[in-house]
Amino acid sequence: MEFNFNVFFGYEDAINSLNDKVLIYGFASIVFGIVALLFFSFIIRKLGLDAINSYFINPLMLSLGLTMFVSILPTIVFYVVALDLPAVKIVYSWIAIFIGMFLFVSINLKTIKSVFKESNKVSQQEEFRNRNR
């Protein structure tokens, strides 16, 4: 049995019938996923479990944010170039982008954290230099 990209666990008819609503639901699920993880992160931080927050929730939020920005271009290309493309294939492309971004963030987590810390130091130094005396 081979894998068919026109099938999505039995929901392909429902997904294909939505047409443009797939875009709205897809991007809304990414945004609401980030918001839900933000609230969950706040609760975890108040409980004092910063390790869970630092190694699981923050990379997941970062990968969702990167997925949202990276998935815009392929979605536009799919709608402009291939007008008859089923919505299931767009969903598969978003899943592939999310998995790629999650693996990228997971592998490079230490480097990404150091970049954010360094940019924070630079901005604090600039703020200190530009203060009114």
Protein backbone atom coordinates (compact mmCIF):
# COMPACT_ATOMS: atom_id res chain seq x y z
CA MET A 1 0.00 0.00 0.00
CA GLU A 2 1.48 3.30 -1.04
CA PHE A 3 0.97 6.71 0.49
CA ASN A 4 -1.29 9.08 -1.40
CA PHE A 5 -1.00 12.83 -0.83
CA ASN A 6 -4.65 13.31 -1.73
CA VAL A 7 -5.74 11.43 1.40
CA PHE A 8 -5.68 12.90 4.91
CA PHE A 9 -6.80 10.21 7.37
CA GLY A 10 -10.30 10.04 5.90
CA TYR A 11 -10.97 13.79 6.15
CA GLU A 12 -9.94 14.69 2.62
CA ASP A 13 -13.50 15.32 1.40
CA ALA A 14 -14.24 17.66 4.30
CA ILE A 15 -10.94 19.51 3.87
CA ASN A 16 -11.27 19.82 0.09
CA SER A 17 -14.83 21.14 0.39
CA LEU A 18 -13.67 24.07 2.55
CA ASN A 19 -11.65 25.69 -0.29
CA ASP A 20 -10.37 29.06 0.99
CA LYS A 21 -11.49 28.44 4.56
CA VAL A 22 -8.53 26.08 4.90
CA LEU A 23 -6.26 29.13 4.81
CA ILE A 24 -8.25 30.93 7.47
CA TYR A 25 -8.47 27.86 9.71
CA GLY A 26 -4.81 27.00 9.16
CA PHE A 27 -3.40 30.40 10.03
CA ALA A 28 -5.93 30.86 12.85
CA SER A 29 -4.90 27.56 14.39
CA ILE A 30 -1.26 28.68 14.31
CA VAL A 31 -2.09 32.03 15.94
CA PHE A 32 -4.39 30.51 18.56
CA GLY A 33 -1.82 27.77 19.19
CA ILE A 34 0.77 30.43 19.97
CA VAL A 35 -1.67 32.26 22.26
CA ALA A 36 -2.60 29.02 24.07
CA LEU A 37 1.07 28.15 24.53
CA LEU A 38 1.68 31.67 25.83
CA PHE A 39 -0.95 31.23 28.53
CA PHE A 40 0.34 27.74 29.32
CA SER A 41 3.86 29.17 29.53
CA PHE A 42 2.65 31.84 31.96
CA ILE A 43 1.09 29.19 34.20
CA ILE A 44 4.21 27.02 34.07
CA ARG A 45 6.39 30.03 34.93
CA LYS A 46 4.20 30.91 37.93
CA LEU A 47 4.53 27.30 39.15
CA GLY A 48 8.30 27.68 39.02
CA LEU A 49 8.94 25.05 36.34
CA ASP A 50 11.21 27.17 34.16
CA ALA A 51 13.05 24.15 32.69
CA ILE A 52 9.83 22.88 31.08
CA ASN A 53 9.14 26.36 29.81
CA SER A 54 12.64 26.83 28.46
CA TYR A 55 13.13 23.49 26.74
CA PHE A 56 9.64 22.52 25.56
CA ILE A 57 7.16 25.38 25.34
CA ASN A 58 9.37 28.21 24.08
CA PRO A 59 10.82 26.14 21.19
CA LEU A 60 7.30 25.06 20.27
CA MET A 61 6.11 28.69 20.21
CA LEU A 62 9.14 29.72 18.17
CA SER A 63 8.59 26.94 15.66
CA LEU A 64 4.89 27.87 15.32
CA GLY A 65 5.84 31.51 14.71
CA LEU A 66 8.44 30.57 12.13
CA THR A 67 5.94 28.22 10.51
CA MET A 68 3.47 31.05 10.14
CA PHE A 69 5.99 33.30 8.40
CA VAL A 70 7.57 30.61 6.25
CA SER A 71 4.26 29.06 5.15
CA ILE A 72 2.95 32.30 3.66
CA LEU A 73 5.15 32.10 0.54
CA PRO A 74 4.36 28.48 -0.44
CA THR A 75 0.67 29.08 0.15
CA ILE A 76 0.68 32.07 -2.19
CA VAL A 77 2.66 30.11 -4.78
CA PHE A 78 0.26 27.16 -4.53
CA TYR A 79 -2.75 29.42 -5.05
CA VAL A 80 -1.25 31.43 -7.90
CA VAL A 81 0.58 28.73 -9.84
CA ALA A 82 -1.57 25.68 -9.18
CA LEU A 83 -5.18 26.78 -8.99
CA ASP A 84 -6.54 23.23 -9.01
CA LEU A 85 -4.39 22.05 -6.09
CA PRO A 86 -6.42 20.24 -3.42
CA ALA A 87 -6.47 21.81 0.03
CA VAL A 88 -5.15 18.56 1.50
CA LYS A 89 -1.79 19.17 -0.19
CA ILE A 90 -1.62 22.64 1.35
CA VAL A 91 -2.26 21.10 4.76
CA TYR A 92 0.54 18.61 4.12
CA SER A 93 2.90 21.43 3.15
CA TRP A 94 2.11 23.27 6.39
CA ILE A 95 2.73 20.10 8.40
CA ALA A 96 6.04 19.56 6.60
CA ILE A 97 7.07 23.18 7.25
CA PHE A 98 6.12 22.87 10.93
CA ILE A 99 8.09 19.64 11.36
CA GLY A 100 11.08 21.23 9.63
CA MET A 101 10.92 24.33 11.80
CA PHE A 102 10.52 22.27 14.96
CA LEU A 103 13.56 20.15 14.09
CA PHE A 104 15.55 23.29 13.22
CA VAL A 105 14.65 24.97 16.51
CA SER A 106 15.28 21.79 18.50
CA ILE A 107 18.71 21.25 16.98
CA ASN A 108 19.79 24.91 17.19
CA LEU A 109 18.13 25.83 20.50
CA LYS A 110 21.36 26.78 22.24
CA THR A 111 22.47 29.01 19.37
CA ILE A 112 19.07 30.68 19.09
CA LYS A 113 19.04 31.43 22.82
CA SER A 114 22.54 32.92 22.65
CA VAL A 115 21.52 35.14 19.72
CA PHE A 116 18.54 36.48 21.68
CA LYS A 117 20.68 37.06 24.79
CA GLU A 118 23.36 38.84 22.75
CA SER A 119 20.80 41.09 21.02
CA ASN A 120 19.34 41.90 24.44
CA LYS A 121 22.81 42.89 25.70
CA VAL A 122 23.43 45.08 22.65
CA SER A 123 20.09 46.85 23.04
CA GLN A 124 20.77 47.46 26.74
CA GLN A 125 24.20 48.88 25.91
CA GLU A 126 22.69 51.16 23.26
CA GLU A 127 20.05 52.30 25.73
CA PHE A 128 22.74 53.02 28.33
CA ARG A 129 24.79 55.04 25.83
CA ASN A 130 21.80 57.07 24.63
CA ARG A 131 20.40 57.96 28.05
CA ASN A 132 20.01 61.54 29.08
CA ARG A 133 22.66 62.75 31.50
